Protein backbone atom coordinates (compact mmCIF):
# COMPACT_ATOMS: atom_id res chain seq x y z
CA UNK A 1 145.68 55.77 51.24
CA UNK A 2 149.42 56.51 51.52
CA UNK A 3 151.34 59.05 49.47
CA UNK A 4 153.90 57.29 47.27
CA UNK A 5 157.46 58.05 48.37
CA UNK A 6 159.58 55.44 46.59
CA UNK A 7 160.76 55.81 43.01
CA UNK A 8 160.68 53.14 40.31
CA UNK A 9 164.29 51.94 40.70
CA UNK A 10 163.89 51.89 44.48
CA UNK A 11 160.69 49.83 44.14
CA UNK A 12 162.28 47.35 41.71
CA UNK A 13 165.25 46.81 44.03
CA UNK A 14 162.94 46.27 47.01
CA UNK A 15 160.80 43.71 45.17
CA UNK A 16 163.85 41.80 43.88
CA UNK A 17 165.51 41.74 47.33
CA UNK A 18 162.25 40.71 49.00
CA UNK A 19 161.64 37.90 46.53
CA UNK A 20 165.24 36.72 46.83
CA UNK A 21 165.07 36.53 50.62
CA UNK A 22 161.71 34.77 50.63
CA UNK A 23 162.85 32.38 47.90
CA UNK A 24 165.96 31.60 49.92
CA UNK A 25 163.84 30.80 52.96
CA UNK A 26 161.12 28.75 51.24
CA UNK A 27 163.11 26.94 48.54
CA UNK A 28 166.63 26.62 49.93
CA UNK A 29 165.97 26.23 53.63
CA UNK A 30 167.34 29.65 54.56
CA UNK A 31 167.32 30.98 58.11
CA UNK A 32 164.14 32.25 59.74
CA UNK A 33 165.35 35.86 59.54
CA UNK A 34 165.07 35.63 55.73
CA UNK A 35 161.32 36.13 56.24
CA UNK A 36 162.16 39.80 56.70
CA UNK A 37 161.97 39.81 52.90
CA UNK A 38 158.25 40.41 53.36
CA UNK A 39 158.98 44.03 54.31
CA UNK A 40 160.85 45.15 51.18
CA UNK A 41 158.43 43.16 49.02
CA UNK A 42 155.37 44.93 50.47
CA UNK A 43 156.96 48.40 50.51
CA UNK A 44 158.10 47.93 46.92
CA UNK A 45 154.67 46.76 45.80
CA UNK A 46 152.88 49.64 47.55
CA UNK A 47 155.40 52.34 46.66
CA UNK A 48 155.33 53.60 50.24
CA UNK A 49 157.93 53.26 52.99
CA UNK A 50 157.05 54.37 56.51
CA UNK A 51 160.70 54.76 57.46
CA UNK A 52 161.22 57.13 54.52
CA UNK A 53 158.36 59.25 55.87
CA UNK A 54 159.95 59.42 59.33
CA UNK A 55 163.33 60.36 57.84
CA UNK A 56 161.92 62.82 55.29
CA UNK A 57 163.21 60.86 52.30
CA UNK A 58 161.35 60.77 48.97
CA UNK A 59 162.83 58.98 45.95
CA UNK A 60 159.63 59.32 43.93
CA UNK A 61 159.86 61.82 41.06
CA UNK A 62 156.08 62.37 40.80
CA UNK A 63 154.81 65.86 41.47
CA UNK A 64 152.12 66.08 44.13
């Protein structure tokens, strides 16, 4: 559906940050804004970032 534009290290960092923010919110009573962790978690899982597309950034090393 979407062309992958995030590389492996980028994806790993996004998933870790997303999980950390969501864990902080759900398990440690973090602030409501910690739910923004959903965004890096989803973009890391999908390998696609809409903002990267708008800015012309591609950290993925795959040839298309």
